[in-house]
Structure formats: structure tokens, C-alpha cells
Protein backbone atom coordinates (compact mmCIF):
# COMPACT_ATOMS: atom_id res chain seq x y z
CA MET A 1 -55.25 -14.05 4.88
CA ASN A 2 -55.16 -11.14 7.30
CA ASP A 3 -57.96 -12.15 9.62
CA VAL A 4 -57.39 -14.07 12.83
CA THR A 5 -60.61 -15.95 12.08
CA ALA A 6 -59.31 -17.21 8.73
CA PRO A 7 -59.80 -20.95 8.23
CA GLY A 8 -57.04 -22.91 9.91
CA LEU A 9 -55.61 -19.97 11.85
CA ALA A 10 -57.97 -19.35 14.76
CA GLU A 11 -57.68 -22.78 16.37
CA PRO A 12 -53.85 -22.98 16.60
CA PHE A 13 -53.66 -19.30 17.61
CA LEU A 14 -56.09 -19.83 20.48
CA ALA A 15 -54.43 -23.09 21.51
CA ALA A 16 -51.05 -21.36 21.71
CA ALA A 17 -52.61 -18.50 23.70
CA GLU A 18 -54.06 -21.01 26.17
CA VAL A 19 -50.65 -22.62 26.67
CA ALA A 20 -49.05 -19.20 27.20
CA ALA A 21 -51.77 -18.16 29.66
CA ALA A 22 -51.24 -21.37 31.64
CA LEU A 23 -47.49 -20.75 31.78
CA LEU A 24 -47.97 -17.13 32.85
CA ALA A 25 -50.34 -18.20 35.64
CA ARG A 26 -47.79 -20.54 37.21
CA GLU A 27 -46.64 -19.88 40.75
CA GLU A 28 -43.00 -20.07 39.64
CA VAL A 29 -43.52 -17.02 37.44
CA ARG A 30 -45.08 -15.02 40.26
CA VAL A 31 -42.40 -15.97 42.78
CA GLY A 32 -39.51 -15.44 40.37
CA TRP A 33 -40.84 -12.27 38.73
CA ASP A 34 -37.73 -10.18 39.48
CA ALA A 35 -35.23 -13.01 39.06
CA PRO A 36 -33.05 -13.37 35.95
CA SER A 37 -34.56 -15.43 33.14
CA ALA A 38 -32.84 -17.71 30.65
CA LEU A 39 -32.47 -14.71 28.32
CA PRO A 40 -29.72 -12.14 28.82
CA ARG A 41 -30.84 -8.83 30.37
CA MET A 42 -34.42 -10.03 30.96
CA THR A 43 -36.06 -10.93 34.24
CA ILE A 44 -38.68 -13.65 34.41
CA GLY A 45 -41.28 -10.87 34.66
CA MET A 46 -39.97 -9.13 31.55
CA LEU A 47 -40.02 -12.41 29.64
CA ALA A 48 -43.55 -13.16 30.89
CA CYS A 49 -44.76 -9.72 29.76
CA HIS A 50 -43.12 -10.24 26.37
CA LEU A 51 -44.82 -13.62 25.96
CA GLY A 52 -48.24 -12.30 26.95
CA ARG A 53 -47.94 -9.27 24.71
CA GLN A 54 -47.28 -11.44 21.65
CA PHE A 55 -50.86 -12.66 21.52
CA ILE A 56 -52.29 -9.17 21.81
CA ARG A 57 -49.96 -7.79 19.14
CA SER A 58 -50.37 -10.80 16.86
CA GLY A 59 -54.14 -10.45 16.99
CA GLN A 60 -53.83 -6.77 16.10
CA LEU A 61 -51.51 -7.45 13.18
CA LEU A 62 -53.46 -10.40 11.84
CA SER A 63 -56.68 -8.37 11.95
CA ALA A 64 -55.19 -5.37 10.16
CA PRO A 65 -55.63 -4.89 6.42
CA ALA A 66 -52.75 -6.09 4.29
CA THR A 67 -50.34 -3.39 3.19
CA ASP A 68 -49.53 -3.25 -0.51
CA GLY A 69 -45.82 -3.70 -1.12
CA ALA A 70 -45.14 -4.84 2.44
CA ASP A 71 -41.90 -6.73 2.94
CA LEU A 72 -43.46 -9.91 4.32
CA LEU A 73 -41.47 -12.48 6.23
CA GLY A 74 -41.32 -15.96 4.79
CA SER A 75 -40.52 -17.67 8.09
CA ALA A 76 -39.73 -17.21 11.76
CA ARG A 77 -36.08 -17.82 10.87
CA GLU A 78 -36.20 -14.78 8.59
CA HIS A 79 -37.65 -12.70 11.44
CA TYR A 80 -34.73 -13.58 13.70
CA ARG A 81 -32.21 -13.01 10.90
CA ARG A 82 -33.53 -9.47 10.45
CA ALA A 83 -34.00 -8.60 14.14
CA SER A 84 -31.28 -6.28 15.38
CA TRP A 85 -31.71 -7.55 18.94
CA SER A 86 -30.83 -11.10 17.89
CA ARG A 87 -27.52 -10.26 16.22
CA PRO A 88 -25.28 -10.82 19.27
CA HIS A 89 -26.78 -14.29 19.63
CA ARG A 90 -26.75 -15.40 16.00
CA SER A 91 -24.37 -18.23 16.75
CA THR A 92 -27.25 -19.97 18.55
CA ILE A 93 -29.66 -19.60 15.61
CA ARG A 94 -29.25 -22.25 12.98
CA PRO A 95 -29.10 -21.11 9.35
């Protein structure tokens, strides 16, 4: 299943994108753009850009052909376990 239009995938993907778009359009985001966010070393604007970019990148990846022998992730937890940027904060990620 590598197509964003695959049965069962399009509806939740678009619903999540709508929620993200509504959050990004909030006045609080615009006003606080340069203020620190809840994440270390990220402003609200940086976090907003990261959130918005996820739907563009996810659509690209889900539409791409599958790669033979790819090391696929089994879960979001596995993604965070592997991510080098999450290592300093591992104590907050449950096993």
C-alpha cells in the first residue's frame, strides 16, 4: 500500500491535514511565530512549519513506489527510537 488513495488511508490522512491546517491558521500561531514553543530549540513558527511540512512529505512518500529491501518502520515508536534528534529526550518516550 504505497498510494495515498489506498482504501482506508485517504480519509484519515485528509482529516488529520484539516486539523493541522486549522491549527496553523490560528491567530495564536501568527502572533507567537517567533516565540519559544513547547519543544526545545524550536520557535512556534518552526514547529508550525514542521507540522505543515509533514503532510506534504507524507503525501510524497506514500505516493512513491515501494523500495525493495527497505527497512520499514513497524510503528511511530520505532521511528522515535531510531531518530537521532530524539535521543536526548528518550526519558520522555515510553518503551
